[in-house]
N, C-alpha and C. Protein backbone atom coordinates (compact mmCIF):
# COMPACT_ATOMS: atom_id res chain seq x y z
N UNK A 1 -13.13 -36.83 7.22
CA UNK A 1 -14.18 -35.83 7.05
C UNK A 1 -15.01 -35.69 8.32
N UNK A 2 -15.37 -36.84 8.96
CA UNK A 2 -16.21 -36.75 10.15
C UNK A 2 -15.46 -36.07 11.29
N UNK A 3 -14.13 -36.28 11.40
CA UNK A 3 -13.35 -35.58 12.42
C UNK A 3 -13.43 -34.08 12.22
N UNK A 4 -13.39 -33.64 10.95
CA UNK A 4 -13.52 -32.21 10.67
C UNK A 4 -14.87 -31.68 11.11
N UNK A 5 -15.93 -32.47 10.85
CA UNK A 5 -17.27 -32.07 11.24
C UNK A 5 -17.37 -31.93 12.75
N UNK A 6 -16.76 -32.85 13.48
CA UNK A 6 -16.78 -32.77 14.94
C UNK A 6 -16.08 -31.52 15.42
N UNK A 7 -14.97 -31.17 14.80
CA UNK A 7 -14.25 -29.94 15.16
C UNK A 7 -15.11 -28.72 14.86
N UNK A 8 -15.83 -28.79 13.76
CA UNK A 8 -16.65 -27.66 13.34
C UNK A 8 -17.72 -27.34 14.35
N UNK A 9 -18.29 -28.39 14.98
CA UNK A 9 -19.40 -28.19 15.90
C UNK A 9 -18.97 -28.19 17.37
N UNK A 10 -17.67 -28.29 17.63
CA UNK A 10 -17.22 -28.25 19.01
C UNK A 10 -17.45 -26.84 19.56
N UNK A 11 -18.15 -26.72 20.70
CA UNK A 11 -18.46 -25.38 21.23
C UNK A 11 -17.22 -24.63 21.65
N UNK A 12 -17.21 -23.33 21.40
CA UNK A 12 -16.13 -22.45 21.81
C UNK A 12 -16.71 -21.36 22.68
N UNK A 13 -16.15 -21.19 23.87
CA UNK A 13 -16.72 -20.27 24.86
C UNK A 13 -16.76 -18.85 24.35
N UNK A 14 -15.79 -18.47 23.51
CA UNK A 14 -15.70 -17.08 23.08
C UNK A 14 -16.70 -16.74 21.98
N UNK A 15 -17.22 -17.77 21.31
CA UNK A 15 -18.10 -17.52 20.16
C UNK A 15 -19.55 -17.43 20.63
N UNK A 16 -20.21 -16.38 20.24
CA UNK A 16 -21.63 -16.20 20.54
C UNK A 16 -22.37 -16.05 19.22
N UNK A 17 -23.06 -17.11 18.82
CA UNK A 17 -23.73 -17.12 17.53
C UNK A 17 -24.90 -16.15 17.52
N UNK A 18 -24.97 -15.33 16.50
CA UNK A 18 -26.08 -14.38 16.34
C UNK A 18 -27.07 -14.98 15.35
N UNK A 19 -28.14 -15.54 15.86
CA UNK A 19 -29.15 -16.15 15.01
C UNK A 19 -30.21 -15.14 14.63
N UNK A 20 -30.73 -15.27 13.42
CA UNK A 20 -31.83 -14.42 13.00
C UNK A 20 -32.73 -15.21 12.07
N UNK A 21 -33.99 -14.83 12.03
CA UNK A 21 -34.96 -15.54 11.18
C UNK A 21 -34.61 -15.35 9.71
N UNK A 22 -34.87 -16.36 8.92
CA UNK A 22 -34.58 -16.31 7.49
C UNK A 22 -35.79 -16.84 6.73
N UNK A 23 -36.07 -16.24 5.59
CA UNK A 23 -37.19 -16.67 4.75
C UNK A 23 -36.80 -16.51 3.29
N UNK A 24 -37.42 -17.28 2.42
CA UNK A 24 -37.14 -17.17 1.00
C UNK A 24 -37.72 -15.88 0.45
N UNK A 25 -37.01 -15.30 -0.50
CA UNK A 25 -37.58 -14.17 -1.22
C UNK A 25 -38.69 -14.67 -2.14
N UNK A 26 -39.48 -13.75 -2.67
CA UNK A 26 -40.57 -14.14 -3.58
C UNK A 26 -40.01 -14.89 -4.80
N UNK A 27 -38.89 -14.41 -5.33
CA UNK A 27 -38.29 -15.06 -6.50
C UNK A 27 -37.78 -16.45 -6.15
N UNK A 28 -37.14 -16.58 -4.98
CA UNK A 28 -36.65 -17.89 -4.55
C UNK A 28 -37.80 -18.85 -4.33
N UNK A 29 -38.88 -18.37 -3.74
CA UNK A 29 -40.04 -19.22 -3.48
C UNK A 29 -40.65 -19.73 -4.79
N UNK A 30 -40.72 -18.86 -5.80
CA UNK A 30 -41.27 -19.28 -7.10
C UNK A 30 -40.37 -20.32 -7.76
N UNK A 31 -39.08 -20.09 -7.71
CA UNK A 31 -38.14 -21.03 -8.32
C UNK A 31 -38.18 -22.37 -7.58
N UNK A 32 -38.25 -22.31 -6.26
CA UNK A 32 -38.30 -23.55 -5.48
C UNK A 32 -39.58 -24.32 -5.76
N UNK A 33 -40.71 -23.61 -5.87
CA UNK A 33 -41.97 -24.28 -6.16
C UNK A 33 -41.90 -25.00 -7.52
N UNK A 34 -41.21 -24.39 -8.46
CA UNK A 34 -41.05 -25.03 -9.78
C UNK A 34 -40.16 -26.27 -9.66
N UNK A 35 -39.12 -26.17 -8.85
CA UNK A 35 -38.21 -27.31 -8.61
C UNK A 35 -38.98 -28.48 -8.02
N UNK A 36 -39.86 -28.18 -7.07
CA UNK A 36 -40.67 -29.24 -6.44
C UNK A 36 -41.67 -29.80 -7.43
N UNK A 37 -42.33 -28.94 -8.18
CA UNK A 37 -43.32 -29.38 -9.15
C UNK A 37 -42.71 -30.31 -10.18
N UNK A 38 -41.46 -30.04 -10.56
CA UNK A 38 -40.77 -30.88 -11.53
C UNK A 38 -40.16 -32.13 -10.91
N UNK A 39 -40.30 -32.27 -9.58
CA UNK A 39 -39.85 -33.45 -8.84
C UNK A 39 -38.36 -33.71 -8.99
N UNK A 40 -37.60 -32.63 -9.02
CA UNK A 40 -36.14 -32.76 -9.14
C UNK A 40 -35.56 -33.47 -7.92
N UNK A 41 -36.24 -33.40 -6.80
CA UNK A 41 -35.77 -34.03 -5.56
C UNK A 41 -35.60 -35.53 -5.69
N UNK A 42 -36.30 -36.16 -6.66
CA UNK A 42 -36.17 -37.60 -6.83
C UNK A 42 -34.76 -38.02 -7.21
N UNK A 43 -33.95 -37.08 -7.68
CA UNK A 43 -32.57 -37.41 -8.02
C UNK A 43 -31.73 -37.77 -6.80
N UNK A 44 -32.19 -37.42 -5.59
CA UNK A 44 -31.35 -37.61 -4.39
C UNK A 44 -32.02 -38.32 -3.23
N UNK A 45 -33.34 -38.45 -3.24
CA UNK A 45 -33.99 -39.14 -2.13
C UNK A 45 -33.50 -40.59 -2.03
N UNK A 46 -33.67 -41.34 -3.08
CA UNK A 46 -33.28 -42.75 -3.05
C UNK A 46 -31.77 -42.95 -2.86
N UNK A 47 -30.89 -42.19 -3.55
CA UNK A 47 -29.46 -42.40 -3.33
C UNK A 47 -29.01 -42.14 -1.89
N UNK A 48 -29.53 -41.10 -1.24
CA UNK A 48 -29.16 -40.86 0.14
C UNK A 48 -29.73 -41.94 1.06
N UNK A 49 -30.92 -42.42 0.76
CA UNK A 49 -31.52 -43.47 1.57
C UNK A 49 -30.69 -44.75 1.48
N UNK A 50 -30.28 -45.10 0.29
CA UNK A 50 -29.44 -46.28 0.11
C UNK A 50 -28.08 -46.10 0.79
N UNK A 51 -27.50 -44.91 0.68
CA UNK A 51 -26.21 -44.64 1.30
C UNK A 51 -26.29 -44.76 2.81
N UNK A 52 -27.41 -44.31 3.39
CA UNK A 52 -27.59 -44.42 4.84
C UNK A 52 -27.59 -45.88 5.28
N UNK A 53 -28.32 -46.71 4.57
CA UNK A 53 -28.41 -48.11 4.98
C UNK A 53 -27.12 -48.87 4.69
N UNK A 54 -26.40 -48.48 3.66
CA UNK A 54 -25.08 -49.07 3.44
C UNK A 54 -24.14 -48.73 4.58
N UNK A 55 -24.16 -47.46 5.00
CA UNK A 55 -23.31 -47.05 6.12
C UNK A 55 -23.72 -47.76 7.40
N UNK A 56 -25.02 -47.85 7.63
CA UNK A 56 -25.51 -48.51 8.84
C UNK A 56 -25.12 -49.98 8.86
N UNK A 57 -25.10 -50.61 7.70
CA UNK A 57 -24.73 -52.02 7.62
C UNK A 57 -23.24 -52.26 7.55
N UNK A 58 -22.45 -51.18 7.60
CA UNK A 58 -21.00 -51.32 7.59
C UNK A 58 -20.42 -51.48 6.21
N UNK A 59 -21.21 -51.22 5.18
CA UNK A 59 -20.73 -51.41 3.81
C UNK A 59 -20.48 -50.10 3.09
N UNK A 60 -20.54 -48.98 3.80
CA UNK A 60 -20.31 -47.70 3.16
C UNK A 60 -18.88 -47.56 2.67
N UNK A 61 -18.71 -47.03 1.48
CA UNK A 61 -17.38 -46.85 0.92
C UNK A 61 -17.12 -45.40 0.57
N UNK A 62 -16.14 -45.19 -0.29
CA UNK A 62 -15.77 -43.85 -0.72
C UNK A 62 -16.44 -43.45 -2.02
N UNK A 63 -17.19 -44.33 -2.61
CA UNK A 63 -17.88 -44.03 -3.86
C UNK A 63 -19.34 -43.71 -3.58
N UNK A 64 -19.90 -42.90 -4.46
CA UNK A 64 -21.30 -42.55 -4.30
C UNK A 64 -21.51 -41.54 -3.19
N UNK A 65 -22.76 -41.32 -2.83
CA UNK A 65 -23.09 -40.34 -1.81
C UNK A 65 -22.63 -40.83 -0.44
N UNK A 66 -22.19 -39.88 0.38
CA UNK A 66 -21.65 -40.19 1.70
C UNK A 66 -22.62 -39.77 2.79
N UNK A 67 -22.88 -40.67 3.72
CA UNK A 67 -23.76 -40.43 4.85
C UNK A 67 -23.07 -40.90 6.12
N UNK A 68 -23.23 -40.15 7.19
CA UNK A 68 -22.65 -40.52 8.48
C UNK A 68 -23.76 -40.57 9.53
N UNK A 69 -23.83 -41.66 10.28
CA UNK A 69 -24.80 -41.76 11.36
C UNK A 69 -24.38 -40.90 12.54
N UNK A 70 -25.36 -40.40 13.28
CA UNK A 70 -25.12 -39.64 14.50
C UNK A 70 -25.79 -40.35 15.67
N UNK A 71 -25.05 -40.55 16.74
CA UNK A 71 -25.58 -41.13 17.97
C UNK A 71 -25.14 -40.24 19.12
N UNK A 72 -26.08 -39.52 19.70
CA UNK A 72 -25.80 -38.65 20.83
C UNK A 72 -26.83 -38.95 21.92
N UNK A 73 -26.52 -38.63 23.16
CA UNK A 73 -27.48 -38.89 24.24
C UNK A 73 -28.83 -38.23 23.96
N UNK A 74 -29.87 -39.05 23.84
CA UNK A 74 -31.22 -38.54 23.61
C UNK A 74 -31.50 -38.10 22.20
N UNK A 75 -30.54 -38.28 21.29
CA UNK A 75 -30.74 -37.79 19.92
C UNK A 75 -30.08 -38.73 18.92
N UNK A 76 -30.80 -38.97 17.82
CA UNK A 76 -30.28 -39.78 16.73
C UNK A 76 -30.34 -38.95 15.45
N UNK A 77 -29.53 -39.33 14.47
CA UNK A 77 -29.57 -38.55 13.24
C UNK A 77 -28.60 -39.06 12.19
N UNK A 78 -28.48 -38.24 11.15
CA UNK A 78 -27.58 -38.57 10.05
C UNK A 78 -27.09 -37.29 9.40
N UNK A 79 -25.88 -37.35 8.89
CA UNK A 79 -25.30 -36.26 8.11
C UNK A 79 -25.30 -36.70 6.65
N UNK A 80 -25.93 -35.91 5.80
CA UNK A 80 -25.94 -36.14 4.36
C UNK A 80 -24.92 -35.20 3.74
N UNK A 81 -23.77 -35.73 3.37
CA UNK A 81 -22.70 -34.89 2.86
C UNK A 81 -23.00 -34.39 1.45
N UNK A 82 -22.60 -33.16 1.20
CA UNK A 82 -22.76 -32.56 -0.12
C UNK A 82 -21.91 -33.30 -1.13
N UNK A 83 -22.46 -33.50 -2.31
CA UNK A 83 -21.72 -34.09 -3.42
C UNK A 83 -21.68 -33.08 -4.56
N UNK A 84 -20.52 -32.86 -5.17
CA UNK A 84 -20.41 -31.85 -6.22
C UNK A 84 -21.36 -32.07 -7.39
N UNK A 85 -21.77 -33.31 -7.63
CA UNK A 85 -22.68 -33.57 -8.74
C UNK A 85 -24.06 -32.94 -8.51
N UNK A 86 -24.39 -32.69 -7.26
CA UNK A 86 -25.69 -32.10 -6.94
C UNK A 86 -25.71 -30.62 -7.28
N UNK A 87 -24.65 -29.91 -6.89
CA UNK A 87 -24.58 -28.48 -7.09
C UNK A 87 -25.18 -27.74 -5.90
N UNK A 88 -24.64 -26.59 -5.55
CA UNK A 88 -25.14 -25.84 -4.38
C UNK A 88 -26.59 -25.40 -4.50
N UNK A 89 -27.04 -25.09 -5.72
CA UNK A 89 -28.43 -24.68 -5.90
C UNK A 89 -29.40 -25.81 -5.57
N UNK A 90 -29.16 -26.98 -6.14
CA UNK A 90 -30.01 -28.13 -5.86
C UNK A 90 -29.95 -28.54 -4.39
N UNK A 91 -28.77 -28.42 -3.78
CA UNK A 91 -28.62 -28.84 -2.40
C UNK A 91 -29.46 -27.96 -1.47
N UNK A 92 -29.51 -26.66 -1.77
CA UNK A 92 -30.36 -25.77 -0.97
C UNK A 92 -31.84 -26.10 -1.19
N UNK A 93 -32.23 -26.36 -2.43
CA UNK A 93 -33.60 -26.77 -2.69
C UNK A 93 -33.93 -28.06 -1.93
N UNK A 94 -32.97 -28.98 -1.92
CA UNK A 94 -33.17 -30.27 -1.25
C UNK A 94 -33.37 -30.06 0.25
N UNK A 95 -32.59 -29.18 0.84
CA UNK A 95 -32.74 -28.83 2.26
C UNK A 95 -34.14 -28.29 2.54
N UNK A 96 -34.59 -27.36 1.72
CA UNK A 96 -35.92 -26.79 1.92
C UNK A 96 -37.00 -27.87 1.76
N UNK A 97 -36.80 -28.76 0.80
CA UNK A 97 -37.83 -29.76 0.52
C UNK A 97 -37.92 -30.82 1.62
N UNK A 98 -36.82 -31.15 2.26
CA UNK A 98 -36.89 -32.08 3.38
C UNK A 98 -37.81 -31.54 4.47
N UNK A 99 -37.73 -30.23 4.71
CA UNK A 99 -38.63 -29.62 5.66
C UNK A 99 -40.08 -29.69 5.20
N UNK A 100 -40.31 -29.51 3.92
CA UNK A 100 -41.67 -29.59 3.38
C UNK A 100 -42.23 -31.00 3.50
N UNK A 101 -41.38 -31.98 3.30
CA UNK A 101 -41.84 -33.36 3.45
C UNK A 101 -42.19 -33.65 4.91
N UNK A 102 -41.48 -33.03 5.82
CA UNK A 102 -41.77 -33.20 7.24
C UNK A 102 -43.12 -32.60 7.60
N UNK A 103 -43.48 -31.48 6.98
CA UNK A 103 -44.79 -30.88 7.22
C UNK A 103 -45.90 -31.86 6.87
N UNK A 104 -45.66 -32.68 5.87
CA UNK A 104 -46.66 -33.66 5.46
C UNK A 104 -46.80 -34.82 6.43
N UNK A 105 -45.89 -34.91 7.40
CA UNK A 105 -45.95 -35.99 8.40
C UNK A 105 -46.62 -35.53 9.68
N UNK A 106 -47.27 -34.37 9.64
CA UNK A 106 -47.97 -33.90 10.83
C UNK A 106 -47.15 -32.99 11.71
N UNK A 107 -46.24 -32.23 11.11
CA UNK A 107 -45.38 -31.30 11.85
C UNK A 107 -45.67 -29.86 11.42
N UNK A 108 -45.21 -28.93 12.24
CA UNK A 108 -45.19 -27.53 11.85
C UNK A 108 -43.79 -26.99 12.12
N UNK A 109 -43.41 -26.01 11.31
CA UNK A 109 -42.09 -25.41 11.43
C UNK A 109 -42.12 -24.38 12.55
N UNK A 110 -41.39 -24.66 13.63
CA UNK A 110 -41.36 -23.76 14.77
C UNK A 110 -40.45 -22.57 14.52
N UNK A 111 -39.38 -22.76 13.76
CA UNK A 111 -38.49 -21.65 13.43
C UNK A 111 -37.63 -22.03 12.23
N UNK A 112 -37.16 -21.00 11.53
CA UNK A 112 -36.20 -21.15 10.44
C UNK A 112 -35.20 -20.02 10.62
N UNK A 113 -34.00 -20.36 11.06
CA UNK A 113 -33.01 -19.36 11.45
C UNK A 113 -31.70 -19.57 10.71
N UNK A 114 -30.86 -18.54 10.80
CA UNK A 114 -29.55 -18.59 10.16
C UNK A 114 -28.55 -17.86 11.04
N UNK A 115 -27.32 -18.35 11.05
CA UNK A 115 -26.25 -17.60 11.71
C UNK A 115 -24.96 -17.82 10.93
N UNK A 116 -24.11 -16.82 10.95
CA UNK A 116 -22.79 -16.89 10.34
C UNK A 116 -21.77 -16.45 11.37
N UNK A 117 -20.74 -17.25 11.55
CA UNK A 117 -19.69 -16.88 12.48
C UNK A 117 -18.35 -17.37 11.94
N UNK A 118 -17.30 -16.74 12.41
CA UNK A 118 -15.95 -17.09 11.97
C UNK A 118 -15.28 -17.98 13.00
N UNK A 119 -14.64 -19.02 12.51
CA UNK A 119 -13.86 -19.93 13.33
C UNK A 119 -12.47 -20.01 12.71
N UNK A 120 -11.54 -19.30 13.32
CA UNK A 120 -10.20 -19.17 12.76
C UNK A 120 -10.31 -18.55 11.37
N UNK A 121 -9.86 -19.23 10.32
CA UNK A 121 -9.91 -18.66 8.97
C UNK A 121 -11.15 -19.08 8.22
N UNK A 122 -12.10 -19.76 8.90
CA UNK A 122 -13.29 -20.26 8.26
C UNK A 122 -14.50 -19.38 8.56
N UNK A 123 -15.39 -19.26 7.59
CA UNK A 123 -16.67 -18.59 7.79
C UNK A 123 -17.77 -19.63 7.66
N UNK A 124 -18.37 -19.95 8.79
CA UNK A 124 -19.38 -21.00 8.83
C UNK A 124 -20.77 -20.39 8.85
N UNK A 125 -21.62 -20.84 7.93
CA UNK A 125 -23.01 -20.40 7.88
C UNK A 125 -23.90 -21.61 8.11
N UNK A 126 -24.83 -21.47 9.04
CA UNK A 126 -25.75 -22.56 9.39
C UNK A 126 -27.18 -22.09 9.19
N UNK A 127 -27.92 -22.82 8.38
CA UNK A 127 -29.37 -22.66 8.28
C UNK A 127 -30.01 -23.76 9.12
N UNK A 128 -30.97 -23.40 9.95
CA UNK A 128 -31.57 -24.36 10.86
C UNK A 128 -33.08 -24.26 10.83
N UNK A 129 -33.73 -25.40 10.70
CA UNK A 129 -35.18 -25.48 10.82
C UNK A 129 -35.52 -26.43 11.97
N UNK A 130 -36.39 -25.97 12.85
CA UNK A 130 -36.86 -26.80 13.96
C UNK A 130 -38.34 -27.12 13.74
N UNK A 131 -38.68 -28.38 13.84
CA UNK A 131 -40.05 -28.83 13.61
C UNK A 131 -40.60 -29.48 14.87
N UNK A 132 -41.86 -29.13 15.19
CA UNK A 132 -42.54 -29.73 16.32
C UNK A 132 -43.81 -30.42 15.83
N UNK A 133 -44.17 -31.55 16.46
CA UNK A 133 -45.40 -32.24 16.04
C UNK A 133 -46.63 -31.41 16.33
N UNK A 134 -47.59 -31.47 15.43
CA UNK A 134 -48.85 -30.77 15.66
C UNK A 134 -49.53 -31.34 16.90
N UNK A 135 -50.17 -30.50 17.70
CA UNK A 135 -50.77 -30.96 18.96
C UNK A 135 -52.06 -31.74 18.75
N UNK A 136 -51.91 -32.98 18.37
CA UNK A 136 -53.07 -33.87 18.21
C UNK A 136 -52.91 -35.07 19.12
N UNK A 137 -54.02 -35.61 19.58
CA UNK A 137 -53.98 -36.74 20.50
C UNK A 137 -54.02 -38.06 19.75
N UNK A 138 -53.37 -39.05 20.34
CA UNK A 138 -53.44 -40.41 19.80
C UNK A 138 -54.78 -41.02 20.21
N UNK A 139 -55.59 -41.51 19.27
CA UNK A 139 -56.92 -42.05 19.62
C UNK A 139 -56.84 -43.28 20.52
N UNK A 140 -55.72 -44.00 20.50
CA UNK A 140 -55.61 -45.22 21.30
C UNK A 140 -55.28 -44.94 22.76
N UNK A 141 -54.47 -43.89 22.99
CA UNK A 141 -54.00 -43.64 24.36
C UNK A 141 -54.54 -42.34 24.95
N UNK A 142 -54.96 -41.40 24.09
CA UNK A 142 -55.36 -40.09 24.58
C UNK A 142 -54.19 -39.18 24.85
N UNK A 143 -52.97 -39.70 24.72
CA UNK A 143 -51.78 -38.88 24.91
C UNK A 143 -51.47 -38.07 23.65
N UNK A 144 -50.71 -37.02 23.81
CA UNK A 144 -50.30 -36.21 22.67
C UNK A 144 -49.38 -37.04 21.76
N UNK A 145 -49.71 -37.10 20.51
CA UNK A 145 -48.94 -37.89 19.55
C UNK A 145 -47.70 -37.11 19.12
N UNK A 146 -46.54 -37.54 19.62
CA UNK A 146 -45.32 -36.80 19.28
C UNK A 146 -44.66 -37.29 18.01
N UNK A 147 -45.24 -38.30 17.36
CA UNK A 147 -44.72 -38.81 16.10
C UNK A 147 -43.24 -39.21 16.26
N UNK A 148 -42.32 -38.43 15.72
CA UNK A 148 -40.90 -38.77 15.84
C UNK A 148 -40.17 -37.82 16.79
N UNK A 149 -40.91 -37.14 17.63
CA UNK A 149 -40.30 -36.19 18.55
C UNK A 149 -40.00 -34.87 17.87
N UNK A 150 -39.08 -34.13 18.43
CA UNK A 150 -38.62 -32.88 17.82
C UNK A 150 -37.62 -33.19 16.72
N UNK A 151 -37.74 -32.51 15.61
CA UNK A 151 -36.87 -32.78 14.46
C UNK A 151 -36.17 -31.49 14.04
N UNK A 152 -34.87 -31.58 13.84
CA UNK A 152 -34.07 -30.45 13.40
C UNK A 152 -33.38 -30.78 12.08
N UNK A 153 -33.42 -29.84 11.15
CA UNK A 153 -32.72 -29.99 9.88
C UNK A 153 -31.78 -28.80 9.72
N UNK A 154 -30.49 -29.06 9.59
CA UNK A 154 -29.47 -28.02 9.42
C UNK A 154 -28.82 -28.13 8.05
N UNK A 155 -28.47 -27.01 7.48
CA UNK A 155 -27.62 -26.96 6.30
C UNK A 155 -26.39 -26.14 6.67
N UNK A 156 -25.23 -26.73 6.54
CA UNK A 156 -23.98 -26.08 6.95
C UNK A 156 -23.11 -25.82 5.73
N UNK A 157 -22.65 -24.58 5.60
CA UNK A 157 -21.73 -24.19 4.53
C UNK A 157 -20.50 -23.55 5.16
N UNK A 158 -19.35 -23.76 4.56
CA UNK A 158 -18.10 -23.18 5.03
C UNK A 158 -17.48 -22.38 3.89
N UNK A 159 -17.26 -21.11 4.15
CA UNK A 159 -16.73 -20.20 3.13
C UNK A 159 -17.60 -20.23 1.86
N UNK A 160 -18.91 -20.33 2.07
CA UNK A 160 -19.85 -20.31 0.96
C UNK A 160 -20.05 -21.65 0.27
N UNK A 161 -19.30 -22.66 0.66
CA UNK A 161 -19.39 -23.97 0.02
C UNK A 161 -20.25 -24.90 0.88
N UNK A 162 -21.33 -25.48 0.33
CA UNK A 162 -22.14 -26.42 1.11
C UNK A 162 -21.29 -27.60 1.59
N UNK A 163 -21.51 -27.98 2.84
CA UNK A 163 -20.79 -29.11 3.41
C UNK A 163 -21.70 -30.32 3.64
N UNK A 164 -22.84 -30.09 4.29
CA UNK A 164 -23.72 -31.21 4.60
C UNK A 164 -25.07 -30.70 5.08
N UNK A 165 -26.03 -31.60 5.06
CA UNK A 165 -27.32 -31.43 5.73
C UNK A 165 -27.35 -32.40 6.90
N UNK A 166 -27.68 -31.88 8.06
CA UNK A 166 -27.77 -32.72 9.25
C UNK A 166 -29.23 -32.83 9.67
N UNK A 167 -29.70 -34.06 9.82
CA UNK A 167 -31.08 -34.34 10.19
C UNK A 167 -31.08 -35.13 11.50
N UNK A 168 -31.77 -34.62 12.52
CA UNK A 168 -31.80 -35.30 13.82
C UNK A 168 -33.20 -35.28 14.41
N UNK A 169 -33.46 -36.24 15.28
CA UNK A 169 -34.70 -36.22 16.06
C UNK A 169 -34.40 -36.59 17.50
N UNK A 170 -35.15 -36.03 18.42
CA UNK A 170 -35.05 -36.41 19.81
C UNK A 170 -36.44 -36.46 20.43
N UNK A 171 -36.65 -37.47 21.25
CA UNK A 171 -37.97 -37.74 21.81
C UNK A 171 -38.27 -36.81 22.98
N UNK A 172 -39.55 -36.47 23.12
CA UNK A 172 -40.04 -35.78 24.31
C UNK A 172 -40.35 -36.86 25.34
N UNK A 173 -39.70 -36.79 26.50
CA UNK A 173 -39.80 -37.85 27.50
C UNK A 173 -40.76 -37.51 28.64
N UNK A 174 -41.43 -36.37 28.56
CA UNK A 174 -42.37 -35.99 29.60
C UNK A 174 -43.63 -36.85 29.55
N UNK A 175 -44.31 -37.01 30.69
CA UNK A 175 -45.57 -37.77 30.70
C UNK A 175 -46.61 -37.12 29.80
N UNK A 176 -47.51 -37.94 29.27
CA UNK A 176 -48.58 -37.42 28.44
C UNK A 176 -48.29 -37.45 26.96
N UNK A 177 -47.11 -37.97 26.58
CA UNK A 177 -46.76 -38.07 25.16
C UNK A 177 -46.63 -39.54 24.77
N UNK A 178 -47.03 -39.86 23.56
CA UNK A 178 -46.82 -41.20 23.05
C UNK A 178 -45.32 -41.44 22.84
N UNK A 179 -44.86 -42.70 22.81
CA UNK A 179 -43.46 -42.96 22.49
C UNK A 179 -43.11 -42.44 21.10
N UNK A 180 -41.91 -41.92 20.96
CA UNK A 180 -41.49 -41.39 19.66
C UNK A 180 -41.09 -42.51 18.71
N UNK A 181 -41.41 -42.34 17.43
CA UNK A 181 -40.94 -43.28 16.43
C UNK A 181 -39.43 -43.19 16.26
N UNK A 182 -38.84 -44.21 15.69
CA UNK A 182 -37.39 -44.26 15.54
C UNK A 182 -36.90 -43.34 14.43
N UNK A 183 -35.60 -43.04 14.46
CA UNK A 183 -35.02 -42.23 13.40
C UNK A 183 -35.07 -42.98 12.07
N UNK A 184 -34.85 -44.28 12.10
CA UNK A 184 -34.92 -45.06 10.86
C UNK A 184 -36.29 -44.95 10.21
N UNK A 185 -37.33 -44.98 11.03
CA UNK A 185 -38.68 -44.85 10.50
C UNK A 185 -38.91 -43.46 9.92
N UNK A 186 -38.41 -42.44 10.62
CA UNK A 186 -38.51 -41.07 10.11
C UNK A 186 -37.82 -40.96 8.75
N UNK A 187 -36.61 -41.52 8.65
CA UNK A 187 -35.86 -41.42 7.40
C UNK A 187 -36.58 -42.16 6.28
N UNK A 188 -37.23 -43.26 6.61
CA UNK A 188 -37.99 -43.98 5.59
C UNK A 188 -39.10 -43.10 5.02
N UNK A 189 -39.80 -42.39 5.89
CA UNK A 189 -40.87 -41.52 5.43
C UNK A 189 -40.34 -40.37 4.58
N UNK A 190 -39.14 -39.89 4.90
CA UNK A 190 -38.59 -38.72 4.21
C UNK A 190 -37.88 -39.08 2.91
N UNK A 191 -37.18 -40.22 2.88
CA UNK A 191 -36.28 -40.49 1.77
C UNK A 191 -36.68 -41.66 0.88
N UNK A 192 -37.49 -42.57 1.38
CA UNK A 192 -37.83 -43.75 0.59
C UNK A 192 -38.74 -43.32 -0.56
N UNK A 193 -38.22 -43.37 -1.77
CA UNK A 193 -38.95 -42.85 -2.93
C UNK A 193 -38.45 -43.57 -4.18
N UNK A 194 -39.23 -43.53 -5.26
CA UNK A 194 -38.80 -44.16 -6.52
C UNK A 194 -37.63 -43.41 -7.14
N UNK A 195 -36.88 -44.06 -8.00
CA UNK A 195 -35.76 -43.38 -8.66
C UNK A 195 -36.26 -42.35 -9.67
N UNK A 196 -35.40 -41.43 -10.07
CA UNK A 196 -35.81 -40.41 -11.05
C UNK A 196 -35.90 -40.99 -12.45
N UNK A 197 -36.67 -40.33 -13.27
CA UNK A 197 -36.74 -40.66 -14.69
C UNK A 197 -35.59 -39.94 -15.41
N UNK A 198 -35.25 -40.35 -16.62
CA UNK A 198 -34.24 -39.61 -17.38
C UNK A 198 -34.59 -38.13 -17.55
N UNK A 199 -35.86 -37.82 -17.71
CA UNK A 199 -36.26 -36.42 -17.85
C UNK A 199 -36.00 -35.64 -16.57
N UNK A 200 -36.23 -36.28 -15.42
CA UNK A 200 -35.96 -35.62 -14.15
C UNK A 200 -34.46 -35.44 -13.94
N UNK A 201 -33.68 -36.42 -14.33
CA UNK A 201 -32.23 -36.31 -14.22
C UNK A 201 -31.69 -35.16 -15.07
N UNK A 202 -32.33 -34.93 -16.21
CA UNK A 202 -31.88 -33.87 -17.11
C UNK A 202 -32.08 -32.48 -16.52
N UNK A 203 -32.91 -32.36 -15.48
CA UNK A 203 -33.19 -31.05 -14.88
C UNK A 203 -32.13 -30.63 -13.86
N UNK A 204 -31.22 -31.52 -13.50
CA UNK A 204 -30.21 -31.19 -12.49
C UNK A 204 -29.41 -29.97 -12.90
N UNK A 205 -29.01 -29.91 -14.15
CA UNK A 205 -28.16 -28.81 -14.61
C UNK A 205 -28.86 -27.46 -14.50
N UNK A 206 -30.19 -27.44 -14.66
CA UNK A 206 -30.92 -26.18 -14.63
C UNK A 206 -30.83 -25.49 -13.26
N UNK A 207 -30.74 -26.29 -12.21
CA UNK A 207 -30.73 -25.74 -10.85
C UNK A 207 -29.39 -25.95 -10.16
N UNK A 208 -28.39 -26.39 -10.89
CA UNK A 208 -27.12 -26.81 -10.29
C UNK A 208 -26.46 -25.71 -9.45
N UNK A 209 -26.38 -24.54 -9.98
CA UNK A 209 -25.61 -23.48 -9.32
C UNK A 209 -26.46 -22.43 -8.63
N UNK A 210 -27.63 -22.13 -9.18
CA UNK A 210 -28.43 -21.03 -8.67
C UNK A 210 -29.61 -21.52 -7.86
N UNK A 211 -29.77 -20.95 -6.66
CA UNK A 211 -30.95 -21.22 -5.85
C UNK A 211 -31.97 -20.12 -6.07
């Protein structure tokens, strides 16, 4: 699966992605707000967090949720693979909510874009959110507090089928910024949460297919 993902993101000189801004419709926003209010996200925060640490410790298997670590020059991250038990509707809500949780960590959304392009017989759609830390100074150093650096959250679908959410951070290395927190610390803030209640689990079906 990871080899396929690498092929999917390998740059092709002939392809020029046409990005455009994307926003929820009023109906989607109302439905998403209800999803958040009902705390449906608790069905996946803890399982993905556990899967990440299992993978990091070398104990990841083929059962349960699948997570892949990313290590690139200047950037760290993780791929949270789609699981059919979640459903495409919940997965899109989950993508939106990860961004909302990031706002609570002192970030603002710099852009929310989408592009669709064809790669051979595949139609790849990418939703991308870029987050930048709010311009506040660290009281200890007087430097701009970059928190976890720049953070990007992508949702990738192929032929309309969700594939994964990719979450990455990269530090700003220019003078005048505090050192960036680690990706592990960022993931703890985003995913470390209590397990769902039976009532919350029962809500999965309501949002399974429709966003």
